[in-house]
Amino acid sequence: MYRYFIAYVFSTYQGSGNGWTEVTRDAPIRSSADVLSMTNLIANQDKSIDRLTITGWQRFED
């Protein structure tokens, strides 16, 4: 398992902000498709988010 710290910015109908979360994956991040899947995962956790952009990530040490 691969654990990542994910930083992002987002916008909602009320404004915008930034946040961070932890994501666990079965495989390492290797492509833009992986980043897009994490973007969708995070955005789907809060239905008020209109747009979400991942600004960075860092893998946690095992």
PDB file of N, CA and C in Angstrom:
ATOM      1  N   MET A   1       0.839  -1.188   0.000  1.00  0.00           N
ATOM      2  CA  MET A   1       0.000   0.000   0.000  1.00  0.00           C
ATOM      3  C   MET A   1       0.886   1.254   0.000  1.00  0.00           C
ATOM      4  N   TYR A   2       0.419   2.268  -0.683  1.00  0.00           N
ATOM      5  CA  TYR A   2       1.137   3.528  -0.807  1.00  0.00           C
ATOM      6  C   TYR A   2       0.280   4.637  -0.198  1.00  0.00           C
ATOM      7  N   ARG A   3       0.817   5.315   0.790  1.00  0.00           N
ATOM      8  CA  ARG A   3       0.094   6.402   1.451  1.00  0.00           C
ATOM      9  C   ARG A   3       0.689   7.737   1.018  1.00  0.00           C
ATOM     10  N   TYR A   4      -0.207   8.676   0.695  1.00  0.00           N
ATOM     11  CA  TYR A   4       0.214   9.989   0.216  1.00  0.00           C
ATOM     12  C   TYR A   4      -0.468  11.103   0.996  1.00  0.00           C
ATOM     13  N   PHE A   5       0.292  12.165   1.244  1.00  0.00           N
ATOM     14  CA  PHE A   5      -0.257  13.438   1.695  1.00  0.00           C
ATOM     15  C   PHE A   5      -0.608  14.203   0.422  1.00  0.00           C
ATOM     16  N   ILE A   6      -1.850  14.691   0.328  1.00  0.00           N
ATOM     17  CA  ILE A   6      -2.329  15.399  -0.860  1.00  0.00           C
ATOM     18  C   ILE A   6      -2.744  16.817  -0.462  1.00  0.00           C
ATOM     19  N   ALA A   7      -2.173  17.818  -1.130  1.00  0.00           N
ATOM     20  CA  ALA A   7      -2.580  19.217  -0.938  1.00  0.00           C
ATOM     21  C   ALA A   7      -3.404  19.637  -2.150  1.00  0.00           C
ATOM     22  N   TYR A   8      -4.438  20.455  -1.901  1.00  0.00           N
ATOM     23  CA  TYR A   8      -5.311  20.857  -3.005  1.00  0.00           C
ATOM     24  C   TYR A   8      -5.951  22.209  -2.746  1.00  0.00           C
ATOM     25  N   VAL A   9      -6.450  22.808  -3.809  1.00  0.00           N
ATOM     26  CA  VAL A   9      -7.290  24.005  -3.734  1.00  0.00           C
ATOM     27  C   VAL A   9      -8.646  23.629  -4.313  1.00  0.00           C
ATOM     28  N   PHE A  10      -9.686  24.326  -3.870  1.00  0.00           N
ATOM     29  CA  PHE A  10     -11.033  24.000  -4.329  1.00  0.00           C
ATOM     30  C   PHE A  10     -11.879  25.248  -4.393  1.00  0.00           C
ATOM     31  N   SER A  11     -12.982  25.139  -5.130  1.00  0.00           N
ATOM     32  CA  SER A  11     -13.969  26.210  -5.147  1.00  0.00           C
ATOM     33  C   SER A  11     -15.350  25.595  -4.954  1.00  0.00           C
ATOM     34  N   THR A  12     -16.221  26.369  -4.297  1.00  0.00           N
ATOM     35  CA  THR A  12     -17.618  25.994  -4.087  1.00  0.00           C
ATOM     36  C   THR A  12     -18.468  27.205  -4.463  1.00  0.00           C
ATOM     37  N   TYR A  13     -19.769  27.062  -4.365  1.00  0.00           N
ATOM     38  CA  TYR A  13     -20.645  28.195  -4.647  1.00  0.00           C
ATOM     39  C   TYR A  13     -20.462  29.306  -3.621  1.00  0.00           C
ATOM     40  N   GLN A  14     -19.853  29.005  -2.476  1.00  0.00           N
ATOM     41  CA  GLN A  14     -19.648  29.997  -1.420  1.00  0.00           C
ATOM     42  C   GLN A  14     -18.285  30.676  -1.477  1.00  0.00           C
ATOM     43  N   GLY A  15     -17.377  30.145  -2.270  1.00  0.00           N
ATOM     44  CA  GLY A  15     -16.038  30.732  -2.325  1.00  0.00           C
ATOM     45  C   GLY A  15     -15.001  29.671  -2.644  1.00  0.00           C
ATOM     46  N   SER A  16     -13.797  29.894  -2.153  1.00  0.00           N
ATOM     47  CA  SER A  16     -12.720  28.957  -2.434  1.00  0.00           C
ATOM     48  C   SER A  16     -11.859  28.768  -1.195  1.00  0.00           C
ATOM     49  N   GLY A  17     -10.971  27.788  -1.271  1.00  0.00           N
ATOM     50  CA  GLY A  17     -10.093  27.529  -0.144  1.00  0.00           C
ATOM     51  C   GLY A  17      -9.059  26.489  -0.518  1.00  0.00           C
ATOM     52  N   ASN A  18      -8.355  26.032   0.491  1.00  0.00           N
ATOM     53  CA  ASN A  18      -7.380  24.976   0.269  1.00  0.00           C
ATOM     54  C   ASN A  18      -7.532  23.930   1.358  1.00  0.00           C
ATOM     55  N   GLY A  19      -6.966  22.778   1.111  1.00  0.00           N
ATOM     56  CA  GLY A  19      -7.085  21.707   2.082  1.00  0.00           C
ATOM     57  C   GLY A  19      -6.019  20.659   1.861  1.00  0.00           C
ATOM     58  N   TRP A  20      -6.065  19.651   2.676  1.00  0.00           N
ATOM     59  CA  TRP A  20      -5.147  18.529   2.552  1.00  0.00           C
ATOM     60  C   TRP A  20      -5.840  17.280   3.059  1.00  0.00           C
ATOM     61  N   THR A  21      -5.353  16.142   2.626  1.00  0.00           N
ATOM     62  CA  THR A  21      -5.910  14.869   3.053  1.00  0.00           C
ATOM     63  C   THR A  21      -4.856  13.786   2.873  1.00  0.00           C
ATOM     64  N   GLU A  22      -5.174  12.609   3.327  1.00  0.00           N
ATOM     65  CA  GLU A  22      -4.317  11.447   3.129  1.00  0.00           C
ATOM     66  C   GLU A  22      -5.059  10.457   2.241  1.00  0.00           C
ATOM     67  N   VAL A  23      -4.374   9.925   1.238  1.00  0.00           N
ATOM     68  CA  VAL A  23      -4.950   8.952   0.321  1.00  0.00           C
ATOM     69  C   VAL A  23      -4.081   7.700   0.343  1.00  0.00           C
ATOM     70  N   THR A  24      -4.721   6.543   0.425  1.00  0.00           N
ATOM     71  CA  THR A  24      -4.016   5.267   0.351  1.00  0.00           C
ATOM     72  C   THR A  24      -4.353   4.609  -0.976  1.00  0.00           C
ATOM     73  N   ARG A  25      -3.317   4.166  -1.674  1.00  0.00           N
ATOM     74  CA  ARG A  25      -3.485   3.559  -2.999  1.00  0.00           C
ATOM     75  C   ARG A  25      -2.813   2.199  -3.035  1.00  0.00           C
ATOM     76  N   ASP A  26      -3.264   1.357  -3.950  1.00  0.00           N
ATOM     77  CA  ASP A  26      -2.646   0.045  -4.152  1.00  0.00           C
ATOM     78  C   ASP A  26      -1.366   0.139  -4.971  1.00  0.00           C
ATOM     79  N   ALA A  27      -1.226   1.204  -5.749  1.00  0.00           N
ATOM     80  CA  ALA A  27      -0.070   1.381  -6.628  1.00  0.00           C
ATOM     81  C   ALA A  27       0.456   2.808  -6.484  1.00  0.00           C
ATOM     82  N   PRO A  28       1.710   3.045  -6.843  1.00  0.00           N
ATOM     83  CA  PRO A  28       2.244   4.404  -6.755  1.00  0.00           C
ATOM     84  C   PRO A  28       1.625   5.322  -7.804  1.00  0.00           C
ATOM     85  N   ILE A  29       1.721   6.625  -7.569  1.00  0.00           N
ATOM     86  CA  ILE A  29       1.271   7.621  -8.542  1.00  0.00           C
ATOM     87  C   ILE A  29       2.287   7.642  -9.677  1.00  0.00           C
ATOM     88  N   ARG A  30       1.802   7.380 -10.900  1.00  0.00           N
ATOM     89  CA  ARG A  30       2.716   7.322 -12.043  1.00  0.00           C
ATOM     90  C   ARG A  30       2.232   8.102 -13.262  1.00  0.00           C
ATOM     91  N   SER A  31       1.001   8.601 -13.221  1.00  0.00           N
ATOM     92  CA  SER A  31       0.486   9.250 -14.423  1.00  0.00           C
ATOM     93  C   SER A  31      -0.544  10.318 -14.065  1.00  0.00           C
ATOM     94  N   SER A  32      -0.889  11.102 -15.069  1.00  0.00           N
ATOM     95  CA  SER A  32      -1.933  12.110 -14.865  1.00  0.00           C
ATOM     96  C   SER A  32      -3.280  11.441 -14.599  1.00  0.00           C
ATOM     97  N   ALA A  33      -3.486  10.245 -15.118  1.00  0.00           N
ATOM     98  CA  ALA A  33      -4.724   9.509 -14.836  1.00  0.00           C
ATOM     99  C   ALA A  33      -4.817   9.160 -13.350  1.00  0.00           C
ATOM    100  N   ASP A  34      -3.692   8.849 -12.724  1.00  0.00           N
ATOM    101  CA  ASP A  34      -3.687   8.584 -11.279  1.00  0.00           C
ATOM    102  C   ASP A  34      -4.059   9.834 -10.499  1.00  0.00           C
ATOM    103  N   VAL A  35      -3.518  10.981 -10.916  1.00  0.00           N
ATOM    104  CA  VAL A  35      -3.839  12.249 -10.257  1.00  0.00           C
ATOM    105  C   VAL A  35      -5.319  12.574 -10.442  1.00  0.00           C
ATOM    106  N   LEU A  36      -5.840  12.358 -11.633  1.00  0.00           N
ATOM    107  CA  LEU A  36      -7.258  12.611 -11.893  1.00  0.00           C
ATOM    108  C   LEU A  36      -8.148  11.718 -11.038  1.00  0.00           C
ATOM    109  N   SER A  37      -7.783  10.467 -10.874  1.00  0.00           N
ATOM    110  CA  SER A  37      -8.597   9.574 -10.041  1.00  0.00           C
ATOM    111  C   SER A  37      -8.600  10.035  -8.590  1.00  0.00           C
ATOM    112  N   MET A  38      -7.465  10.544  -8.100  1.00  0.00           N
ATOM    113  CA  MET A  38      -7.425  11.067  -6.729  1.00  0.00           C
ATOM    114  C   MET A  38      -8.229  12.354  -6.620  1.00  0.00           C
ATOM    115  N   THR A  39      -8.174  13.192  -7.647  1.00  0.00           N
ATOM    116  CA  THR A  39      -8.967  14.420  -7.668  1.00  0.00           C
ATOM    117  C   THR A  39     -10.450  14.094  -7.554  1.00  0.00           C
ATOM    118  N   ASN A  40     -10.911  13.131  -8.344  1.00  0.00           N
ATOM    119  CA  ASN A  40     -12.319  12.732  -8.298  1.00  0.00           C
ATOM    120  C   ASN A  40     -12.688  12.123  -6.952  1.00  0.00           C
ATOM    121  N   LEU A  41     -11.806  11.318  -6.392  1.00  0.00           N
ATOM    122  CA  LEU A  41     -12.053  10.704  -5.085  1.00  0.00           C
ATOM    123  C   LEU A  41     -12.259  11.770  -4.018  1.00  0.00           C
ATOM    124  N   ILE A  42     -11.369  12.748  -3.978  1.00  0.00           N
ATOM    125  CA  ILE A  42     -11.451  13.810  -2.969  1.00  0.00           C
ATOM    126  C   ILE A  42     -12.694  14.678  -3.202  1.00  0.00           C
ATOM    127  N   ALA A  43     -12.938  15.078  -4.447  1.00  0.00           N
ATOM    128  CA  ALA A  43     -14.080  15.949  -4.758  1.00  0.00           C
ATOM    129  C   ALA A  43     -15.406  15.268  -4.444  1.00  0.00           C
ATOM    130  N   ASN A  44     -15.489  13.966  -4.645  1.00  0.00           N
ATOM    131  CA  ASN A  44     -16.741  13.246  -4.385  1.00  0.00           C
ATOM    132  C   ASN A  44     -17.058  13.108  -2.904  1.00  0.00           C
ATOM    133  N   GLN A  45     -16.093  13.382  -2.047  1.00  0.00           N
ATOM    134  CA  GLN A  45     -16.347  13.329  -0.606  1.00  0.00           C
ATOM    135  C   GLN A  45     -17.133  14.535  -0.120  1.00  0.00           C
ATOM    136  N   ASP A  46     -17.151  15.609  -0.896  1.00  0.00           N
ATOM    137  CA  ASP A  46     -17.893  16.827  -0.539  1.00  0.00           C
ATOM    138  C   ASP A  46     -18.623  17.319  -1.784  1.00  0.00           C
ATOM    139  N   LYS A  47     -19.908  17.108  -1.839  1.00  0.00           N
ATOM    140  CA  LYS A  47     -20.696  17.434  -3.037  1.00  0.00           C
ATOM    141  C   LYS A  47     -20.789  18.926  -3.307  1.00  0.00           C
ATOM    142  N   SER A  48     -20.408  19.779  -2.349  1.00  0.00           N
ATOM    143  CA  SER A  48     -20.473  21.224  -2.590  1.00  0.00           C
ATOM    144  C   SER A  48     -19.271  21.721  -3.390  1.00  0.00           C
ATOM    145  N   ILE A  49     -18.260  20.886  -3.593  1.00  0.00           N
ATOM    146  CA  ILE A  49     -17.079  21.291  -4.350  1.00  0.00           C
ATOM    147  C   ILE A  49     -17.401  21.308  -5.843  1.00  0.00           C
ATOM    148  N   ASP A  50     -17.188  22.475  -6.464  1.00  0.00           N
ATOM    149  CA  ASP A  50     -17.387  22.610  -7.906  1.00  0.00           C
ATOM    150  C   ASP A  50     -16.124  22.246  -8.677  1.00  0.00           C
ATOM    151  N   ARG A  51     -14.990  22.651  -8.162  1.00  0.00           N
ATOM    152  CA  ARG A  51     -13.710  22.422  -8.836  1.00  0.00           C
ATOM    153  C   ARG A  51     -12.648  22.125  -7.776  1.00  0.00           C
ATOM    154  N   LEU A  52     -11.804  21.155  -8.065  1.00  0.00           N
ATOM    155  CA  LEU A  52     -10.728  20.787  -7.154  1.00  0.00           C
ATOM    156  C   LEU A  52      -9.468  20.544  -7.981  1.00  0.00           C
ATOM    157  N   THR A  53      -8.355  21.125  -7.536  1.00  0.00           N
ATOM    158  CA  THR A  53      -7.073  20.950  -8.206  1.00  0.00           C
ATOM    159  C   THR A  53      -6.036  20.500  -7.196  1.00  0.00           C
ATOM    160  N   ILE A  54      -5.413  19.376  -7.449  1.00  0.00           N
ATOM    161  CA  ILE A  54      -4.328  18.910  -6.583  1.00  0.00           C
ATOM    162  C   ILE A  54      -3.099  19.754  -6.887  1.00  0.00           C
ATOM    163  N   THR A  55      -2.526  20.343  -5.846  1.00  0.00           N
ATOM    164  CA  THR A  55      -1.360  21.209  -6.019  1.00  0.00           C
ATOM    165  C   THR A  55      -0.054  20.508  -5.674  1.00  0.00           C
ATOM    166  N   GLY A  56      -0.139  19.386  -4.990  1.00  0.00           N
ATOM    167  CA  GLY A  56       1.075  18.656  -4.658  1.00  0.00           C
ATOM    168  C   GLY A  56       0.770  17.396  -3.888  1.00  0.00           C
ATOM    169  N   TRP A  57       1.743  16.508  -3.859  1.00  0.00           N
ATOM    170  CA  TRP A  57       1.607  15.287  -3.072  1.00  0.00           C
ATOM    171  C   TRP A  57       2.981  14.822  -2.634  1.00  0.00           C
ATOM    172  N   GLN A  58       2.981  14.073  -1.548  1.00  0.00           N
ATOM    173  CA  GLN A  58       4.226  13.505  -1.012  1.00  0.00           C
ATOM    174  C   GLN A  58       3.916  12.140  -0.444  1.00  0.00           C
ATOM    175  N   ARG A  59       4.680  11.156  -0.841  1.00  0.00           N
ATOM    176  CA  ARG A  59       4.471   9.809  -0.310  1.00  0.00           C
ATOM    177  C   ARG A  59       5.015   9.735   1.112  1.00  0.00           C
ATOM    178  N   PHE A  60       4.236   9.132   2.003  1.00  0.00           N
ATOM    179  CA  PHE A  60       4.696   8.909   3.369  1.00  0.00           C
ATOM    180  C   PHE A  60       5.725   7.780   3.380  1.00  0.00           C
ATOM    181  N   GLU A  61       6.693   7.910   4.242  1.00  0.00           N
ATOM    182  CA  GLU A  61       7.696   6.844   4.408  1.00  0.00           C
ATOM    183  C   GLU A  61       7.026   5.616   5.009  1.00  0.00           C
ATOM    184  N   ASP A  62       7.479   4.449   4.603  1.00  0.00           N
ATOM    185  CA  ASP A  62       6.948   3.197   5.173  1.00  0.00           C
ATOM    186  C   ASP A  62       7.533   2.945   6.538  1.00  0.00           C
TER     187      ASP A  62
END
